[in-house]
Protein backbone atom coordinates (compact mmCIF):
# COMPACT_ATOMS: atom_id res chain seq x y z
CA MET A 1 19.39 10.84 15.97
CA SER A 2 20.44 7.62 17.65
CA PRO A 3 23.94 6.19 17.11
CA LEU A 4 22.42 3.17 15.35
CA ARG A 5 20.59 5.40 12.84
CA MET A 6 23.81 7.35 12.22
CA ILE A 7 25.61 4.07 11.49
CA TYR A 8 22.86 3.03 9.03
CA LEU A 9 23.05 6.42 7.32
CA ALA A 10 26.85 6.28 7.10
CA LEU A 11 26.67 2.76 5.62
CA ALA A 12 24.04 3.88 3.10
CA LEU A 13 26.25 6.77 2.00
CA TRP A 14 29.31 4.53 1.80
CA GLY A 15 27.23 1.95 -0.10
CA ALA A 16 26.27 4.67 -2.58
CA VAL A 17 29.68 6.30 -3.04
CA GLN A 18 32.01 3.28 -3.14
CA PRO A 19 30.26 1.42 -5.99
CA MET A 20 29.70 4.64 -7.94
CA ILE A 21 33.45 5.32 -7.94
CA HIS A 22 34.00 2.03 -9.74
CA PHE A 23 30.96 2.33 -12.02
CA SER A 24 31.98 5.88 -13.00
CA ALA A 25 35.47 4.71 -13.89
CA TRP A 26 34.03 1.87 -15.97
CA PHE A 27 31.59 4.18 -17.76
CA ARG A 28 34.37 6.69 -18.51
CA ALA A 29 36.47 3.93 -20.03
CA ASN A 30 33.68 2.08 -21.89
CA GLY A 31 30.88 4.58 -22.40
CA PHE A 32 27.36 4.30 -21.02
CA ASP A 33 26.63 0.82 -22.38
CA LEU A 34 24.53 -1.16 -19.90
CA ARG A 35 24.64 -4.29 -22.06
CA ALA A 36 28.45 -4.26 -21.96
CA LEU A 37 28.35 -3.66 -18.20
CA VAL A 38 26.16 -6.72 -17.64
CA ALA A 39 28.43 -8.74 -19.93
CA ALA A 40 31.42 -7.62 -17.84
CA TRP A 41 29.68 -8.90 -14.72
CA HIS A 42 29.60 -12.36 -16.31
CA THR A 43 33.18 -12.59 -17.59
CA ASN A 44 34.01 -15.52 -15.32
CA ALA A 45 32.32 -17.89 -12.88
CA ALA A 46 33.31 -15.88 -9.78
CA SER A 47 31.96 -12.55 -11.01
CA SER A 48 28.86 -14.24 -12.45
CA GLY A 49 28.18 -15.92 -9.09
CA LEU A 50 28.57 -12.61 -7.30
CA ALA A 51 26.25 -10.86 -9.76
CA TRP A 52 23.57 -13.50 -9.21
CA GLU A 53 24.10 -13.39 -5.44
CA LEU A 54 23.52 -9.63 -5.41
CA THR A 55 20.54 -9.89 -7.75
CA ILE A 56 18.84 -12.43 -5.49
CA ALA A 57 19.66 -10.34 -2.41
CA ALA A 58 18.22 -7.24 -4.10
CA ILE A 59 14.99 -9.04 -4.98
CA ALA A 60 14.69 -10.44 -1.44
CA LEU A 61 15.27 -6.98 0.02
CA CYS A 62 12.58 -5.47 -2.20
CA VAL A 63 10.07 -8.17 -1.25
CA PHE A 64 10.86 -7.48 2.41
CA VAL A 65 10.57 -3.69 1.98
CA ILE A 66 7.20 -4.03 0.24
CA ALA A 67 5.90 -6.42 2.91
CA GLU A 68 7.08 -4.16 5.73
CA VAL A 69 5.73 -1.00 4.13
CA ALA A 70 2.35 -2.69 3.66
CA VAL A 71 2.20 -3.42 7.40
CA ARG A 72 3.88 -0.32 8.85
CA ARG A 73 2.59 2.23 6.30
CA ASN A 74 6.07 3.76 6.20
CA TRP A 75 5.73 4.96 2.60
CA PRO A 76 9.00 6.97 2.44
CA ALA A 77 10.87 3.70 2.99
CA LEU A 78 9.93 2.67 -0.55
CA VAL A 79 12.80 4.87 -1.77
CA ALA A 80 15.07 1.96 -0.78
CA ILE A 81 13.80 -0.04 -3.78
CA PRO A 82 15.11 2.27 -6.53
CA ALA A 83 18.26 2.83 -4.46
CA THR A 84 18.80 -0.94 -4.40
CA PHE A 85 18.40 -1.42 -8.15
CA CYS A 86 20.06 1.82 -9.29
CA ILE A 87 22.99 1.79 -6.85
CA GLY A 88 23.12 -1.58 -5.09
CA VAL A 89 22.23 -3.63 -2.06
CA GLY A 90 25.07 -1.96 -0.16
CA CYS A 91 23.12 1.29 -0.34
CA GLY A 92 19.52 0.01 -0.38
CA LEU A 93 19.66 -2.16 2.74
CA PRO A 94 21.22 0.36 5.14
CA LEU A 95 19.03 3.10 3.66
CA TYR A 96 15.93 1.03 4.36
CA LEU A 97 17.13 0.28 7.91
CA PHE A 98 17.78 3.99 8.43
CA LEU A 99 14.28 4.88 7.23
CA ARG A 100 12.67 2.02 9.16
CA THR A 101 14.19 3.02 12.48
CA ARG A 102 12.99 6.62 12.41
CA PRO A 103 10.99 7.66 15.44
CA VAL A 104 7.27 7.14 15.05
CA VAL A 105 5.29 10.34 15.50
């Protein structure tokens, strides 16, 4: 595996673990209430702006993944879409780059 692919994989793992630490702590304190979680994201203008920024980035990433998969026929790369929406862009983007840069057989 190339050093670049190892970096993408490490960033994908970090992008999965780091947010989950914070989400897990929030869920332990508040229960598994997604409506309350979304409300917490919009408690002030700064956090609301960041939530919208990440939402737009996630949608753009998914459009890009779908367009690339349609051209390259790299179907396993579609796993980056649920990773993006279930974990975050910090996991989905490096995961997609990791899957995109695999050697072509």
